[in-house]
Structures are given as structure tokens and as C-alpha cells.
């Protein structure tokens, strides 16, 4: 909470709170490819069973375990190269 109080909206800047980091590997949020990948991820149709099972559980029940959230978030950022804020 203190970190959020200190940095406020800067937490959600693409460059982060320090203004560092190269986010050029991320796909543009408004591109057709990123929208398609994001929708596949949301619907649990990525082709990766672990990710798909967690996303389908979320759609069906509104719940996902903490480990599941970590896994699907990691997949969103590192495998699909999408901005983490899409999944927030």
C-alpha cells in the first residue's frame, strides 16, 4: 500500500515506476493480432492445457486459484507478449 501511495498512477505506466524497461517486444494493444491473442486467452483457447483449464474455470465459476493466476498472467506477458495491464 505504501508503494502505491508513493507512486500512484505511475504503477500503471508502461515504463514502470522507475521509467526503465524496454516494452518494445509487447504487441500494440490495438493491433488485430493482439486482440485475437487476447480473446483466445480470455476464452481458454490457447492450446496450452494448463492455461486453458484455468481460464475456463474462471469463466465458469468466477474463481481461479492464486497459482493459476500466476500461471496465466505469466503466459499472457511472456508467451503472448501482451501488456500485463490487459489481464489486470
N, C-alpha and C. Protein backbone atom coordinates (compact mmCIF):
# COMPACT_ATOMS: atom_id res chain seq x y z
N UNK A 1 0.82 -1.19 0.00
CA UNK A 1 0.00 0.00 0.00
C UNK A 1 0.87 1.26 0.00
N UNK A 2 2.00 1.21 0.69
CA UNK A 2 2.86 2.39 0.73
C UNK A 2 3.48 2.65 -0.63
N UNK A 3 3.80 1.58 -1.35
CA UNK A 3 4.37 1.72 -2.68
C UNK A 3 3.35 2.38 -3.61
N UNK A 4 2.11 1.94 -3.52
CA UNK A 4 1.04 2.52 -4.34
C UNK A 4 0.80 3.98 -3.97
N UNK A 5 0.87 4.27 -2.70
CA UNK A 5 0.67 5.65 -2.25
C UNK A 5 1.80 6.55 -2.76
N UNK A 6 3.00 6.01 -2.76
CA UNK A 6 4.16 6.79 -3.20
C UNK A 6 4.12 7.06 -4.70
N UNK A 7 3.80 6.03 -5.50
CA UNK A 7 3.90 6.16 -6.95
C UNK A 7 2.56 6.41 -7.65
N UNK A 8 1.46 6.08 -7.03
CA UNK A 8 0.14 6.35 -7.61
C UNK A 8 -0.04 5.77 -9.01
N UNK A 9 -0.46 6.62 -9.92
CA UNK A 9 -0.76 6.19 -11.30
C UNK A 9 0.46 5.69 -12.05
N UNK A 10 1.62 6.07 -11.58
CA UNK A 10 2.86 5.67 -12.24
C UNK A 10 3.03 4.15 -12.22
N UNK A 11 2.35 3.45 -11.30
CA UNK A 11 2.40 1.99 -11.24
C UNK A 11 1.94 1.38 -12.57
N UNK A 12 1.06 2.06 -13.27
CA UNK A 12 0.47 1.52 -14.48
C UNK A 12 1.07 2.07 -15.76
N UNK A 13 2.13 2.83 -15.65
CA UNK A 13 2.82 3.33 -16.83
C UNK A 13 3.56 2.17 -17.49
N UNK A 14 3.61 2.13 -18.81
CA UNK A 14 4.34 1.05 -19.49
C UNK A 14 5.80 0.94 -19.07
N UNK A 15 6.42 2.05 -18.72
CA UNK A 15 7.83 2.02 -18.33
C UNK A 15 8.02 1.75 -16.84
N UNK A 16 6.92 1.61 -16.08
CA UNK A 16 7.01 1.32 -14.67
C UNK A 16 7.31 2.54 -13.83
N UNK A 17 7.56 2.32 -12.57
CA UNK A 17 7.76 3.42 -11.63
C UNK A 17 9.13 4.07 -11.78
N UNK A 18 10.07 3.36 -12.33
CA UNK A 18 11.43 3.89 -12.47
C UNK A 18 11.67 4.50 -13.85
N UNK A 19 10.71 4.33 -14.75
CA UNK A 19 10.89 4.85 -16.11
C UNK A 19 11.87 4.01 -16.91
N UNK A 20 12.07 2.78 -16.48
CA UNK A 20 13.01 1.88 -17.14
C UNK A 20 12.27 0.79 -17.88
N UNK A 21 13.00 0.03 -18.62
CA UNK A 21 12.42 -1.15 -19.25
C UNK A 21 12.02 -0.93 -20.69
N UNK A 22 12.39 -1.88 -21.49
CA UNK A 22 12.03 -1.84 -22.90
C UNK A 22 10.78 -2.67 -23.12
N UNK A 23 9.73 -2.03 -23.47
CA UNK A 23 8.46 -2.74 -23.70
C UNK A 23 8.19 -2.89 -25.20
N UNK A 24 9.21 -2.72 -26.01
CA UNK A 24 9.01 -2.79 -27.45
C UNK A 24 8.64 -4.19 -27.93
N UNK A 25 8.91 -5.22 -27.11
CA UNK A 25 8.56 -6.58 -27.50
C UNK A 25 7.06 -6.82 -27.39
N UNK A 26 6.36 -5.99 -26.61
CA UNK A 26 4.92 -6.13 -26.49
C UNK A 26 4.25 -5.75 -27.79
N UNK A 27 3.20 -6.47 -28.13
CA UNK A 27 2.42 -6.13 -29.31
C UNK A 27 1.58 -4.88 -29.00
N UNK A 28 1.36 -4.04 -29.99
CA UNK A 28 0.47 -2.89 -29.75
C UNK A 28 -0.91 -3.38 -29.31
N UNK A 29 -1.47 -2.74 -28.31
CA UNK A 29 -2.74 -3.17 -27.73
C UNK A 29 -3.86 -3.18 -28.76
N UNK A 30 -3.82 -2.26 -29.68
CA UNK A 30 -4.92 -2.14 -30.63
C UNK A 30 -4.70 -2.91 -31.93
N UNK A 31 -3.66 -3.71 -32.03
CA UNK A 31 -3.43 -4.46 -33.26
C UNK A 31 -4.38 -5.65 -33.35
N UNK A 32 -4.65 -6.06 -34.56
CA UNK A 32 -5.57 -7.19 -34.79
C UNK A 32 -5.02 -8.47 -34.17
N UNK A 33 -3.71 -8.66 -34.28
CA UNK A 33 -3.08 -9.86 -33.73
C UNK A 33 -3.20 -9.91 -32.21
N UNK A 34 -2.96 -8.78 -31.56
CA UNK A 34 -3.03 -8.76 -30.09
C UNK A 34 -4.46 -8.97 -29.61
N UNK A 35 -5.43 -8.40 -30.32
CA UNK A 35 -6.83 -8.60 -29.94
C UNK A 35 -7.22 -10.06 -30.06
N UNK A 36 -6.76 -10.71 -31.14
CA UNK A 36 -7.07 -12.12 -31.35
C UNK A 36 -6.43 -12.98 -30.26
N UNK A 37 -5.16 -12.74 -29.97
CA UNK A 37 -4.47 -13.50 -28.92
C UNK A 37 -5.14 -13.29 -27.57
N UNK A 38 -5.52 -12.07 -27.28
CA UNK A 38 -6.16 -11.77 -26.00
C UNK A 38 -7.51 -12.49 -25.88
N UNK A 39 -8.29 -12.49 -26.93
CA UNK A 39 -9.59 -13.17 -26.89
C UNK A 39 -9.41 -14.68 -26.73
N UNK A 40 -8.43 -15.25 -27.39
CA UNK A 40 -8.15 -16.68 -27.23
C UNK A 40 -7.78 -16.97 -25.78
N UNK A 41 -6.97 -16.12 -25.20
CA UNK A 41 -6.55 -16.28 -23.81
C UNK A 41 -7.76 -16.18 -22.87
N UNK A 42 -8.61 -15.18 -23.09
CA UNK A 42 -9.79 -14.99 -22.25
C UNK A 42 -10.75 -16.16 -22.31
N UNK A 43 -10.88 -16.77 -23.48
CA UNK A 43 -11.83 -17.86 -23.67
C UNK A 43 -11.25 -19.23 -23.32
N UNK A 44 -9.95 -19.28 -23.04
CA UNK A 44 -9.31 -20.55 -22.71
C UNK A 44 -9.09 -21.41 -23.94
N UNK A 45 -8.68 -20.77 -25.04
CA UNK A 45 -8.44 -21.47 -26.30
C UNK A 45 -7.02 -21.23 -26.81
N UNK A 46 -6.04 -21.29 -25.92
CA UNK A 46 -4.66 -21.01 -26.32
C UNK A 46 -3.94 -22.24 -26.86
N UNK A 47 -4.46 -23.43 -26.53
CA UNK A 47 -3.78 -24.66 -26.92
C UNK A 47 -2.83 -25.16 -25.84
N UNK A 48 -2.70 -24.42 -24.75
CA UNK A 48 -1.86 -24.82 -23.62
C UNK A 48 -2.82 -25.29 -22.52
N UNK A 49 -2.85 -26.60 -22.23
CA UNK A 49 -3.86 -27.14 -21.31
C UNK A 49 -3.91 -26.47 -19.94
N UNK A 50 -2.78 -26.17 -19.35
CA UNK A 50 -2.76 -25.55 -18.03
C UNK A 50 -3.42 -24.17 -18.05
N UNK A 51 -3.09 -23.39 -19.04
CA UNK A 51 -3.65 -22.04 -19.17
C UNK A 51 -5.14 -22.13 -19.50
N UNK A 52 -5.48 -23.00 -20.45
CA UNK A 52 -6.88 -23.12 -20.86
C UNK A 52 -7.78 -23.58 -19.72
N UNK A 53 -7.31 -24.56 -18.94
CA UNK A 53 -8.12 -25.06 -17.82
C UNK A 53 -8.38 -23.96 -16.79
N UNK A 54 -7.36 -23.18 -16.48
CA UNK A 54 -7.54 -22.10 -15.51
C UNK A 54 -8.48 -21.02 -16.03
N UNK A 55 -8.33 -20.65 -17.29
CA UNK A 55 -9.19 -19.60 -17.84
C UNK A 55 -10.63 -20.09 -17.96
N UNK A 56 -10.82 -21.35 -18.30
CA UNK A 56 -12.19 -21.89 -18.39
C UNK A 56 -12.83 -21.98 -17.01
N UNK A 57 -12.03 -22.31 -16.01
CA UNK A 57 -12.54 -22.33 -14.64
C UNK A 57 -12.99 -20.93 -14.23
N UNK A 58 -12.21 -19.94 -14.59
CA UNK A 58 -12.56 -18.56 -14.26
C UNK A 58 -13.88 -18.15 -14.93
N UNK A 59 -14.02 -18.52 -16.20
CA UNK A 59 -15.25 -18.18 -16.93
C UNK A 59 -16.46 -18.89 -16.31
N UNK A 60 -16.28 -20.16 -15.95
CA UNK A 60 -17.40 -20.96 -15.45
C UNK A 60 -17.78 -20.62 -14.01
N UNK A 61 -16.80 -20.36 -13.16
CA UNK A 61 -17.09 -20.21 -11.73
C UNK A 61 -16.80 -18.82 -11.18
N UNK A 62 -16.03 -18.03 -11.90
CA UNK A 62 -15.63 -16.73 -11.38
C UNK A 62 -14.48 -16.83 -10.41
N UNK A 63 -13.86 -18.01 -10.29
CA UNK A 63 -12.77 -18.24 -9.36
C UNK A 63 -11.57 -18.85 -10.07
N UNK A 64 -10.39 -18.50 -9.58
CA UNK A 64 -9.16 -19.14 -10.03
C UNK A 64 -8.19 -19.11 -8.86
N UNK A 65 -7.46 -20.19 -8.67
CA UNK A 65 -6.50 -20.26 -7.57
C UNK A 65 -5.38 -19.24 -7.77
N UNK A 66 -4.69 -18.93 -6.70
CA UNK A 66 -3.59 -17.98 -6.78
C UNK A 66 -2.51 -18.48 -7.74
N UNK A 67 -2.16 -19.75 -7.67
CA UNK A 67 -1.14 -20.31 -8.57
C UNK A 67 -1.62 -20.23 -10.02
N UNK A 68 -2.91 -20.47 -10.22
CA UNK A 68 -3.47 -20.36 -11.57
C UNK A 68 -3.34 -18.95 -12.11
N UNK A 69 -3.62 -17.96 -11.27
CA UNK A 69 -3.50 -16.56 -11.69
C UNK A 69 -2.07 -16.23 -12.08
N UNK A 70 -1.13 -16.75 -11.30
CA UNK A 70 0.28 -16.52 -11.62
C UNK A 70 0.65 -17.15 -12.96
N UNK A 71 0.16 -18.36 -13.19
CA UNK A 71 0.48 -19.06 -14.44
C UNK A 71 -0.10 -18.37 -15.66
N UNK A 72 -1.38 -18.01 -15.60
CA UNK A 72 -2.00 -17.39 -16.77
C UNK A 72 -1.46 -15.98 -17.02
N UNK A 73 -1.12 -15.26 -15.95
CA UNK A 73 -0.54 -13.92 -16.11
C UNK A 73 0.84 -14.02 -16.75
N UNK A 74 1.62 -14.98 -16.31
CA UNK A 74 2.95 -15.18 -16.89
C UNK A 74 2.85 -15.54 -18.37
N UNK A 75 1.90 -16.38 -18.70
CA UNK A 75 1.69 -16.77 -20.10
C UNK A 75 1.30 -15.56 -20.94
N UNK A 76 0.41 -14.73 -20.41
CA UNK A 76 -0.04 -13.54 -21.13
C UNK A 76 1.13 -12.63 -21.49
N UNK A 77 2.02 -12.42 -20.53
CA UNK A 77 3.12 -11.48 -20.73
C UNK A 77 4.29 -12.10 -21.48
N UNK A 78 4.71 -13.28 -21.06
CA UNK A 78 5.95 -13.85 -21.60
C UNK A 78 5.77 -14.68 -22.87
N UNK A 79 4.62 -15.30 -23.04
CA UNK A 79 4.41 -16.13 -24.24
C UNK A 79 3.61 -15.41 -25.32
N UNK A 80 2.60 -14.68 -24.90
CA UNK A 80 1.79 -13.95 -25.89
C UNK A 80 2.33 -12.55 -26.16
N UNK A 81 3.28 -12.09 -25.33
CA UNK A 81 3.89 -10.77 -25.48
C UNK A 81 2.86 -9.65 -25.45
N UNK A 82 1.89 -9.79 -24.55
CA UNK A 82 0.88 -8.75 -24.40
C UNK A 82 1.12 -7.96 -23.12
N UNK A 83 0.65 -6.75 -23.11
CA UNK A 83 0.78 -5.86 -21.96
C UNK A 83 0.04 -6.45 -20.77
N UNK A 84 0.70 -6.52 -19.61
CA UNK A 84 0.10 -7.11 -18.43
C UNK A 84 -1.18 -6.41 -18.01
N UNK A 85 -1.31 -5.13 -18.36
CA UNK A 85 -2.48 -4.36 -17.95
C UNK A 85 -3.76 -4.87 -18.62
N UNK A 86 -3.63 -5.60 -19.73
CA UNK A 86 -4.81 -6.19 -20.36
C UNK A 86 -5.45 -7.23 -19.46
N UNK A 87 -4.63 -7.96 -18.74
CA UNK A 87 -5.15 -9.02 -17.88
C UNK A 87 -5.45 -8.57 -16.47
N UNK A 88 -5.21 -7.31 -16.18
CA UNK A 88 -5.42 -6.83 -14.79
C UNK A 88 -6.90 -6.65 -14.49
